[in-house]
Amino acid sequence: VYATDAHAEPGVKVIGTLPEDSHPPIVYPVAQMADSTDKDAPAFLQCLQSAKTGEIFKAQGFTVLTPSN
């Protein structure tokens, strides 16, 4: 499992880890599609980029990246 999954589940015991340079970085990109008509998407994306949400992700073991254009 991913380290963040192990962090979230108290019943999981980590018995080994892979070196960071043994695989590409694991990222979870998010974006609104150009043809999207979802009126709530911009607010959701703004929420994901907020400092408060960043702190929640960090508390769960994630690394928060800076959005790129």
Protein backbone atom coordinates (compact mmCIF):
# COMPACT_ATOMS: atom_id res chain seq x y z
CA VAL A 1 0.00 0.00 0.00
CA TYR A 2 1.02 3.62 -0.26
CA ALA A 3 2.53 5.22 2.84
CA THR A 4 -0.49 7.51 3.16
CA ASP A 5 -2.79 4.46 3.23
CA ALA A 6 -0.69 2.88 5.97
CA HIS A 7 -0.77 6.19 7.85
CA ALA A 8 -4.58 6.24 7.70
CA GLU A 9 -5.15 2.65 8.79
CA PRO A 10 -3.98 1.78 12.31
CA GLY A 11 -4.19 -1.96 11.57
CA VAL A 12 -1.53 -1.78 8.84
CA LYS A 13 2.02 -2.56 9.87
CA VAL A 14 4.73 -1.22 7.55
CA ILE A 15 7.39 -3.90 7.14
CA GLY A 16 9.40 -2.26 4.37
CA THR A 17 9.59 0.73 2.05
CA LEU A 18 10.95 1.31 -1.42
CA PRO A 19 13.65 3.95 -1.97
CA GLU A 20 12.22 7.17 -3.39
CA ASP A 21 14.50 6.89 -6.42
CA SER A 22 13.18 3.41 -7.30
CA HIS A 23 10.03 4.76 -8.97
CA PRO A 24 8.62 7.95 -10.45
CA PRO A 25 6.96 10.30 -7.97
CA ILE A 26 3.36 9.41 -7.18
CA VAL A 27 1.17 12.42 -7.91
CA TYR A 28 -2.57 13.03 -7.95
CA PRO A 29 -3.19 15.79 -10.51
CA VAL A 30 -6.47 17.65 -10.60
CA ALA A 31 -7.87 20.06 -13.16
CA GLN A 32 -11.13 21.27 -14.60
CA MET A 33 -11.61 20.15 -18.19
CA ALA A 34 -11.87 22.98 -20.72
CA ASP A 35 -15.34 21.90 -21.83
CA SER A 36 -16.66 21.31 -18.31
CA THR A 37 -20.00 22.89 -17.46
CA ASP A 38 -19.78 22.06 -13.76
CA LYS A 39 -20.42 25.38 -12.00
CA ASP A 40 -19.00 24.06 -8.71
CA ALA A 41 -15.65 22.95 -10.12
CA PRO A 42 -13.83 26.30 -9.72
CA ALA A 43 -14.82 26.53 -6.03
CA PHE A 44 -13.75 22.92 -5.47
CA LEU A 45 -10.36 23.55 -7.10
CA GLN A 46 -9.93 26.71 -5.02
CA CYS A 47 -10.74 24.72 -1.88
CA LEU A 48 -8.13 22.10 -2.78
CA GLN A 49 -5.51 24.85 -3.08
CA SER A 50 -6.33 26.49 0.25
CA ALA A 51 -3.87 26.51 3.13
CA LYS A 52 -6.36 24.69 5.36
CA THR A 53 -6.78 21.85 2.87
CA GLY A 54 -3.00 21.71 2.42
CA GLU A 55 -2.58 21.22 6.15
CA ILE A 56 -5.15 18.40 6.12
CA PHE A 57 -3.29 16.64 3.31
CA LYS A 58 0.04 17.10 5.09
CA ALA A 59 -1.42 15.67 8.32
CA GLN A 60 -2.33 12.55 6.34
CA GLY A 61 1.23 12.14 5.07
CA PHE A 62 0.94 13.77 1.65
CA THR A 63 3.37 16.28 0.18
CA VAL A 64 1.53 19.32 -1.19
CA LEU A 65 2.90 20.57 -4.48
CA THR A 66 2.64 24.09 -5.86
CA PRO A 67 0.07 24.32 -8.67
CA SER A 68 1.58 24.80 -12.11
CA ASN A 69 0.05 26.59 -15.06
